[in-house]
Amino acid sequence: MPTNSARTNCHYFFSDTRRCGSPALRGEGYCYYHHPVRKPVANPRARAALRGFELPIPYSRETLHQAVSEVMLRLAANKLDVHRASLILYSLQIASRNLSPDE
């Protein structure tokens, strides 16, 4: 197991020539925040919008379909990770089973 001294720090330099002191990702030269693959959101409020979204409560077939559609749209736009989407869709599947046939 490598010691702490064997871990590398992030190679990012701030504009005032200070170096980022965060540990680099395993096998990489940058920390999570400064990694070149990470794309910052142009509008910071857009990031907050990506965190959570409201689904209609599935009390009828219509609202159930609306909820499934919302999950599908967010998956297609890559605004929802697959694991979270699968949990939500599974929950909606359970809700659909609990709806009475005449609803």
N, C-alpha and C. Protein backbone atom coordinates (compact mmCIF):
# COMPACT_ATOMS: atom_id res chain seq x y z
N MET A 1 0.85 -1.18 0.00
CA MET A 1 0.00 0.00 0.00
C MET A 1 0.90 1.24 0.00
N PRO A 2 0.63 2.20 -0.88
CA PRO A 2 1.49 3.37 -0.93
C PRO A 2 1.30 4.26 0.29
N THR A 3 2.36 4.89 0.69
CA THR A 3 2.28 5.82 1.81
C THR A 3 1.72 7.14 1.32
N ASN A 4 1.39 8.02 2.26
CA ASN A 4 0.85 9.32 1.89
C ASN A 4 1.84 10.14 1.08
N SER A 5 3.14 9.95 1.32
CA SER A 5 4.13 10.72 0.58
C SER A 5 4.20 10.29 -0.89
N ALA A 6 3.72 9.06 -1.18
CA ALA A 6 3.75 8.57 -2.56
C ALA A 6 2.58 9.13 -3.37
N ARG A 7 1.58 9.67 -2.71
CA ARG A 7 0.45 10.25 -3.42
C ARG A 7 0.85 11.58 -4.02
N THR A 8 0.35 11.83 -5.21
CA THR A 8 0.69 13.10 -5.85
C THR A 8 -0.40 14.12 -5.59
N ASN A 9 -0.02 15.37 -5.66
CA ASN A 9 -0.98 16.46 -5.54
C ASN A 9 -1.37 16.93 -6.92
N CYS A 10 -2.45 17.67 -6.97
CA CYS A 10 -2.97 18.21 -8.22
C CYS A 10 -1.93 19.12 -8.86
N HIS A 11 -1.79 19.05 -10.19
CA HIS A 11 -0.81 19.86 -10.92
C HIS A 11 -1.35 21.22 -11.35
N TYR A 12 -2.58 21.56 -10.93
CA TYR A 12 -3.19 22.82 -11.34
C TYR A 12 -2.54 23.99 -10.61
N PHE A 13 -2.28 25.07 -11.36
CA PHE A 13 -1.75 26.31 -10.78
C PHE A 13 -2.79 27.40 -10.91
N PHE A 14 -3.02 28.10 -9.82
CA PHE A 14 -3.94 29.24 -9.83
C PHE A 14 -3.28 30.42 -10.53
N SER A 15 -4.06 31.47 -10.81
CA SER A 15 -3.53 32.63 -11.53
C SER A 15 -2.45 33.36 -10.73
N ASP A 16 -2.46 33.23 -9.41
CA ASP A 16 -1.42 33.88 -8.60
C ASP A 16 -0.23 32.94 -8.34
N THR A 17 -0.07 31.94 -9.16
CA THR A 17 1.02 30.94 -9.18
C THR A 17 1.03 30.00 -7.99
N ARG A 18 -0.02 30.02 -7.14
CA ARG A 18 -0.12 29.01 -6.09
C ARG A 18 -0.56 27.69 -6.72
N ARG A 19 -0.12 26.60 -6.16
CA ARG A 19 -0.49 25.29 -6.67
C ARG A 19 -1.63 24.72 -5.84
N CYS A 20 -2.53 24.02 -6.49
CA CYS A 20 -3.63 23.36 -5.79
C CYS A 20 -3.04 22.27 -4.90
N GLY A 21 -3.47 22.20 -3.68
CA GLY A 21 -2.90 21.23 -2.74
C GLY A 21 -3.73 19.98 -2.58
N SER A 22 -4.79 19.85 -3.33
CA SER A 22 -5.65 18.67 -3.21
C SER A 22 -4.96 17.44 -3.76
N PRO A 23 -5.28 16.27 -3.22
CA PRO A 23 -4.70 15.04 -3.77
C PRO A 23 -5.24 14.79 -5.17
N ALA A 24 -4.38 14.32 -6.05
CA ALA A 24 -4.79 14.01 -7.42
C ALA A 24 -5.60 12.72 -7.44
N LEU A 25 -6.43 12.59 -8.45
CA LEU A 25 -7.16 11.34 -8.64
C LEU A 25 -6.17 10.21 -8.89
N ARG A 26 -6.56 9.02 -8.55
CA ARG A 26 -5.67 7.87 -8.71
C ARG A 26 -5.26 7.71 -10.17
N GLY A 27 -3.97 7.72 -10.42
CA GLY A 27 -3.45 7.55 -11.77
C GLY A 27 -3.57 8.79 -12.64
N GLU A 28 -3.94 9.92 -12.07
CA GLU A 28 -4.12 11.16 -12.83
C GLU A 28 -3.24 12.25 -12.23
N GLY A 29 -3.15 13.36 -12.93
CA GLY A 29 -2.33 14.46 -12.45
C GLY A 29 -3.11 15.59 -11.82
N TYR A 30 -4.45 15.49 -11.83
CA TYR A 30 -5.28 16.56 -11.31
C TYR A 30 -6.30 16.02 -10.32
N CYS A 31 -6.78 16.90 -9.44
CA CYS A 31 -7.84 16.53 -8.51
C CYS A 31 -9.17 16.49 -9.26
N TYR A 32 -10.21 16.10 -8.57
CA TYR A 32 -11.53 16.01 -9.21
C TYR A 32 -11.96 17.36 -9.78
N TYR A 33 -11.77 18.41 -9.00
CA TYR A 33 -12.26 19.72 -9.41
C TYR A 33 -11.51 20.27 -10.62
N HIS A 34 -10.20 20.04 -10.72
CA HIS A 34 -9.40 20.62 -11.80
C HIS A 34 -9.14 19.67 -12.96
N HIS A 35 -9.70 18.47 -12.92
CA HIS A 35 -9.46 17.51 -13.99
C HIS A 35 -9.98 18.07 -15.32
N PRO A 36 -9.20 17.94 -16.40
CA PRO A 36 -9.59 18.54 -17.68
C PRO A 36 -10.88 17.97 -18.28
N VAL A 37 -11.24 16.76 -17.92
CA VAL A 37 -12.44 16.15 -18.47
C VAL A 37 -13.70 16.76 -17.85
N ARG A 38 -13.57 17.25 -16.63
CA ARG A 38 -14.71 17.86 -15.94
C ARG A 38 -15.06 19.17 -16.61
N LYS A 39 -16.28 19.28 -17.06
CA LYS A 39 -16.72 20.49 -17.76
C LYS A 39 -17.56 21.33 -16.80
N PRO A 40 -17.13 22.53 -16.49
CA PRO A 40 -17.93 23.36 -15.60
C PRO A 40 -19.20 23.85 -16.29
N VAL A 41 -20.22 24.04 -15.52
CA VAL A 41 -21.48 24.55 -16.04
C VAL A 41 -21.33 26.04 -16.25
N ALA A 42 -21.73 26.54 -17.42
CA ALA A 42 -21.60 27.96 -17.72
C ALA A 42 -22.42 28.81 -16.76
N ASN A 43 -23.61 28.36 -16.45
CA ASN A 43 -24.50 29.08 -15.54
C ASN A 43 -24.55 28.32 -14.22
N PRO A 44 -24.05 28.87 -13.11
CA PRO A 44 -24.05 28.14 -11.83
C PRO A 44 -25.44 27.73 -11.37
N ARG A 45 -26.46 28.49 -11.75
CA ARG A 45 -27.82 28.12 -11.35
C ARG A 45 -28.29 26.89 -12.10
N ALA A 46 -27.70 26.63 -13.25
CA ALA A 46 -28.06 25.44 -14.02
C ALA A 46 -27.64 24.18 -13.27
N ARG A 47 -26.52 24.24 -12.55
CA ARG A 47 -26.06 23.09 -11.76
C ARG A 47 -27.09 22.75 -10.68
N ALA A 48 -27.63 23.76 -10.02
CA ALA A 48 -28.64 23.52 -9.00
C ALA A 48 -29.88 22.88 -9.61
N ALA A 49 -30.22 23.26 -10.82
CA ALA A 49 -31.38 22.68 -11.49
C ALA A 49 -31.17 21.21 -11.82
N LEU A 50 -29.92 20.81 -12.00
CA LEU A 50 -29.64 19.42 -12.33
C LEU A 50 -29.72 18.51 -11.11
N ARG A 51 -29.53 19.07 -9.92
CA ARG A 51 -29.49 18.25 -8.71
C ARG A 51 -30.80 17.54 -8.44
N GLY A 52 -31.87 18.28 -8.44
CA GLY A 52 -33.14 17.67 -8.11
C GLY A 52 -34.22 18.12 -9.07
N PHE A 53 -35.20 17.30 -9.20
CA PHE A 53 -36.35 17.66 -10.02
C PHE A 53 -37.55 17.01 -9.39
N GLU A 54 -38.69 17.56 -9.66
CA GLU A 54 -39.91 17.06 -9.05
C GLU A 54 -40.70 16.23 -10.05
N LEU A 55 -41.09 15.06 -9.59
CA LEU A 55 -41.93 14.19 -10.40
C LEU A 55 -43.36 14.29 -9.87
N PRO A 56 -44.34 14.17 -10.75
CA PRO A 56 -45.72 14.16 -10.25
C PRO A 56 -45.96 12.90 -9.42
N ILE A 57 -46.78 13.02 -8.40
CA ILE A 57 -47.11 11.87 -7.57
C ILE A 57 -47.98 10.93 -8.40
N PRO A 58 -47.59 9.66 -8.51
CA PRO A 58 -48.32 8.73 -9.41
C PRO A 58 -49.62 8.22 -8.78
N TYR A 59 -50.63 9.08 -8.72
CA TYR A 59 -51.92 8.67 -8.16
C TYR A 59 -52.89 8.21 -9.24
N SER A 60 -52.52 8.43 -10.51
CA SER A 60 -53.36 7.94 -11.63
C SER A 60 -52.44 7.49 -12.76
N ARG A 61 -53.02 6.85 -13.75
CA ARG A 61 -52.22 6.40 -14.90
C ARG A 61 -51.60 7.59 -15.64
N GLU A 62 -52.34 8.68 -15.72
CA GLU A 62 -51.84 9.86 -16.43
C GLU A 62 -50.60 10.44 -15.74
N THR A 63 -50.67 10.60 -14.43
CA THR A 63 -49.50 11.16 -13.71
C THR A 63 -48.34 10.17 -13.71
N LEU A 64 -48.65 8.89 -13.72
CA LEU A 64 -47.60 7.87 -13.81
C LEU A 64 -46.86 7.99 -15.14
N HIS A 65 -47.59 8.16 -16.23
CA HIS A 65 -46.97 8.33 -17.54
C HIS A 65 -46.16 9.63 -17.62
N GLN A 66 -46.66 10.68 -16.98
CA GLN A 66 -45.91 11.94 -16.94
C GLN A 66 -44.58 11.75 -16.22
N ALA A 67 -44.58 11.01 -15.12
CA ALA A 67 -43.36 10.77 -14.36
C ALA A 67 -42.36 9.95 -15.17
N VAL A 68 -42.85 8.90 -15.83
CA VAL A 68 -41.97 8.07 -16.67
C VAL A 68 -41.39 8.90 -17.81
N SER A 69 -42.22 9.74 -18.41
CA SER A 69 -41.74 10.61 -19.50
C SER A 69 -40.66 11.57 -19.02
N GLU A 70 -40.83 12.13 -17.84
CA GLU A 70 -39.84 13.06 -17.28
C GLU A 70 -38.50 12.35 -17.06
N VAL A 71 -38.54 11.14 -16.54
CA VAL A 71 -37.31 10.37 -16.33
C VAL A 71 -36.66 10.05 -17.67
N MET A 72 -37.45 9.65 -18.66
CA MET A 72 -36.91 9.34 -19.98
C MET A 72 -36.25 10.55 -20.62
N LEU A 73 -36.89 11.71 -20.52
CA LEU A 73 -36.33 12.93 -21.10
C LEU A 73 -35.01 13.32 -20.43
N ARG A 74 -34.96 13.19 -19.11
CA ARG A 74 -33.72 13.53 -18.39
C ARG A 74 -32.61 12.53 -18.71
N LEU A 75 -32.96 11.27 -18.89
CA LEU A 75 -31.95 10.29 -19.29
C LEU A 75 -31.41 10.59 -20.68
N ALA A 76 -32.31 10.92 -21.59
CA ALA A 76 -31.90 11.20 -22.97
C ALA A 76 -31.03 12.45 -23.05
N ALA A 77 -31.28 13.43 -22.18
CA ALA A 77 -30.50 14.66 -22.17
C ALA A 77 -29.25 14.53 -21.30
N ASN A 78 -29.01 13.35 -20.76
CA ASN A 78 -27.86 13.08 -19.90
C ASN A 78 -27.85 13.98 -18.66
N LYS A 79 -29.03 14.22 -18.12
CA LYS A 79 -29.16 15.04 -16.92
C LYS A 79 -29.51 14.19 -15.70
N LEU A 80 -29.51 12.88 -15.87
CA LEU A 80 -29.84 11.96 -14.80
C LEU A 80 -28.99 10.71 -14.98
N ASP A 81 -28.34 10.27 -13.89
CA ASP A 81 -27.49 9.09 -14.04
C ASP A 81 -28.36 7.83 -14.11
N VAL A 82 -27.81 6.81 -14.73
CA VAL A 82 -28.56 5.59 -15.02
C VAL A 82 -29.00 4.89 -13.75
N HIS A 83 -28.15 4.86 -12.74
CA HIS A 83 -28.50 4.17 -11.50
C HIS A 83 -29.71 4.84 -10.83
N ARG A 84 -29.68 6.16 -10.73
CA ARG A 84 -30.79 6.88 -10.11
C ARG A 84 -32.07 6.69 -10.94
N ALA A 85 -31.94 6.74 -12.26
CA ALA A 85 -33.10 6.57 -13.13
C ALA A 85 -33.70 5.17 -12.96
N SER A 86 -32.85 4.16 -12.83
CA SER A 86 -33.37 2.80 -12.67
C SER A 86 -34.11 2.66 -11.35
N LEU A 87 -33.63 3.30 -10.29
CA LEU A 87 -34.33 3.25 -9.01
C LEU A 87 -35.68 3.96 -9.10
N ILE A 88 -35.70 5.10 -9.76
CA ILE A 88 -36.95 5.85 -9.91
C ILE A 88 -37.94 5.05 -10.75
N LEU A 89 -37.47 4.48 -11.86
CA LEU A 89 -38.38 3.71 -12.72
C LEU A 89 -38.90 2.46 -12.01
N TYR A 90 -38.06 1.84 -11.19
CA TYR A 90 -38.51 0.68 -10.42
C TYR A 90 -39.60 1.11 -9.42
N SER A 91 -39.39 2.25 -8.79
CA SER A 91 -40.41 2.76 -7.85
C SER A 91 -41.70 3.06 -8.58
N LEU A 92 -41.61 3.61 -9.77
CA LEU A 92 -42.81 3.89 -10.55
C LEU A 92 -43.50 2.61 -11.00
N GLN A 93 -42.72 1.57 -11.25
CA GLN A 93 -43.29 0.28 -11.62
C GLN A 93 -44.09 -0.29 -10.45
N ILE A 94 -43.55 -0.18 -9.25
CA ILE A 94 -44.27 -0.64 -8.05
C ILE A 94 -45.55 0.17 -7.87
N ALA A 95 -45.45 1.49 -8.08
CA ALA A 95 -46.63 2.34 -7.95
C ALA A 95 -47.69 1.95 -8.97
N SER A 96 -47.27 1.58 -10.18
CA SER A 96 -48.25 1.20 -11.21
C SER A 96 -48.98 -0.09 -10.83
N ARG A 97 -48.30 -0.98 -10.16
CA ARG A 97 -48.94 -2.22 -9.71
C ARG A 97 -49.96 -1.95 -8.61
N ASN A 98 -49.71 -0.90 -7.83
CA ASN A 98 -50.61 -0.59 -6.72
C ASN A 98 -51.83 0.21 -7.16
N LEU A 99 -51.83 0.72 -8.39
CA LEU A 99 -53.01 1.43 -8.88
C LEU A 99 -54.12 0.43 -9.17
N SER A 100 -55.33 0.80 -8.85
CA SER A 100 -56.45 -0.09 -9.15
C SER A 100 -56.70 -0.07 -10.67
N PRO A 101 -57.24 -1.14 -11.24
CA PRO A 101 -57.44 -1.22 -12.70
C PRO A 101 -58.33 -0.12 -13.28
N ASP A 102 -59.26 0.42 -12.49
CA ASP A 102 -60.17 1.43 -13.04
C ASP A 102 -59.60 2.84 -12.98
N GLU A 103 -58.40 3.02 -12.43
CA GLU A 103 -57.81 4.37 -12.35
C GLU A 103 -57.13 4.75 -13.60
